[in-house]
Amino acid sequence: MMKVRSTKSCLNVYIGSKMKLVYVNSNREVAVGDRVLTFRGEECTVQGYVEPHKPSSTGFVYVVSKEGRVDQYYPSVIGAVWIE
């Protein structure tokens, strides 16, 4: 079951699941609060994620930019992939 909590400054998404979102380079699990760089070199903070809902989906990662903007990206934008 998914629980979503939204505020003015951030969006947190929590899902109980067997899949893990990990960084491609280190195989370390992505965690809420991680500071990451997008492939464009933009600094942002991970605020949550939603795993794929079907095999052809990639899911989404929610981040907050340094300016406070909430964005929704595919995991590959921050160098991450889903594993089982």
Protein backbone atom coordinates (compact mmCIF):
# COMPACT_ATOMS: atom_id res chain seq x y z
CA MET A 1 0.00 0.00 0.00
CA MET A 2 1.32 3.43 -0.94
CA LYS A 3 1.33 6.39 1.42
CA VAL A 4 1.93 9.83 -0.07
CA ARG A 5 2.51 12.96 1.96
CA SER A 6 2.84 16.31 0.25
CA THR A 7 3.86 19.69 1.66
CA LYS A 8 4.69 23.03 0.09
CA SER A 9 8.42 22.32 0.01
CA CYS A 10 8.65 18.59 -0.67
CA LEU A 11 6.92 15.41 -1.72
CA ASN A 12 7.65 12.17 0.12
CA VAL A 13 6.52 8.84 -1.28
CA TYR A 14 6.86 5.60 0.69
CA ILE A 15 6.18 2.15 -0.67
CA GLY A 16 6.63 -1.25 0.98
CA SER A 17 8.27 -3.42 -1.65
CA LYS A 18 10.81 -6.10 -2.48
CA MET A 19 12.49 -4.00 -5.18
CA LYS A 20 15.39 -1.69 -4.33
CA LEU A 21 16.52 1.46 -6.07
CA VAL A 22 20.33 1.50 -6.23
CA TYR A 23 23.01 3.74 -7.72
CA VAL A 24 24.57 2.17 -10.82
CA ASN A 25 28.16 3.12 -9.91
CA SER A 26 28.19 1.95 -6.28
CA ASN A 27 25.24 -0.46 -5.98
CA ARG A 28 24.31 1.48 -2.80
CA GLU A 29 20.58 1.81 -2.11
CA VAL A 30 19.05 5.23 -2.82
CA ALA A 31 17.77 6.85 0.38
CA VAL A 32 15.50 9.82 1.05
CA GLY A 33 17.79 12.74 1.85
CA ASP A 34 20.63 11.65 -0.47
CA ARG A 35 22.27 14.56 -2.24
CA VAL A 36 22.71 13.69 -5.90
CA LEU A 37 23.77 15.17 -9.22
CA THR A 38 21.60 14.77 -12.28
CA PHE A 39 23.24 13.90 -15.58
CA ARG A 40 22.96 17.64 -16.35
CA GLY A 41 25.11 18.42 -13.29
CA GLU A 42 22.27 19.89 -11.20
CA GLU A 43 22.51 19.32 -7.45
CA CYS A 44 19.35 18.05 -5.75
CA THR A 45 18.10 16.03 -2.79
CA VAL A 46 16.10 12.79 -3.08
CA GLN A 47 12.66 13.23 -1.50
CA GLY A 48 11.04 9.95 -2.49
CA TYR A 49 10.42 7.46 -5.27
CA VAL A 50 7.78 5.25 -6.81
CA GLU A 51 8.75 1.83 -8.11
CA PRO A 52 7.68 0.58 -11.54
CA HIS A 53 4.03 -0.50 -11.69
CA LYS A 54 4.59 -2.82 -14.67
CA PRO A 55 7.58 -4.43 -16.41
CA SER A 56 7.83 -1.76 -19.11
CA SER A 57 7.86 1.10 -16.55
CA THR A 58 10.94 2.63 -14.87
CA GLY A 59 9.21 4.26 -11.92
CA PHE A 60 10.06 7.76 -10.76
CA VAL A 61 12.35 9.60 -8.37
CA TYR A 62 11.23 12.83 -6.70
CA VAL A 63 13.93 15.39 -5.95
CA VAL A 64 14.15 18.94 -4.64
CA SER A 65 16.58 21.31 -6.36
CA LYS A 66 18.79 23.77 -4.49
CA GLU A 67 16.24 26.44 -5.43
CA GLY A 68 13.44 24.44 -3.76
CA ARG A 69 11.77 23.18 -6.95
CA VAL A 70 10.26 19.67 -6.76
CA ASP A 71 10.96 17.59 -9.88
CA GLN A 72 9.99 14.08 -10.98
CA TYR A 73 12.69 12.18 -12.90
CA TYR A 74 13.32 8.74 -14.28
CA PRO A 75 15.86 6.93 -12.05
CA SER A 76 18.52 7.03 -14.79
CA VAL A 77 18.64 10.84 -14.49
CA ILE A 78 20.35 10.42 -11.09
CA GLY A 79 22.29 7.30 -12.11
CA ALA A 80 19.99 4.76 -10.45
CA VAL A 81 18.22 1.52 -11.41
CA TRP A 82 15.71 -0.85 -9.80
CA ILE A 83 16.86 -4.33 -8.71
CA GLU A 84 14.95 -7.21 -7.12
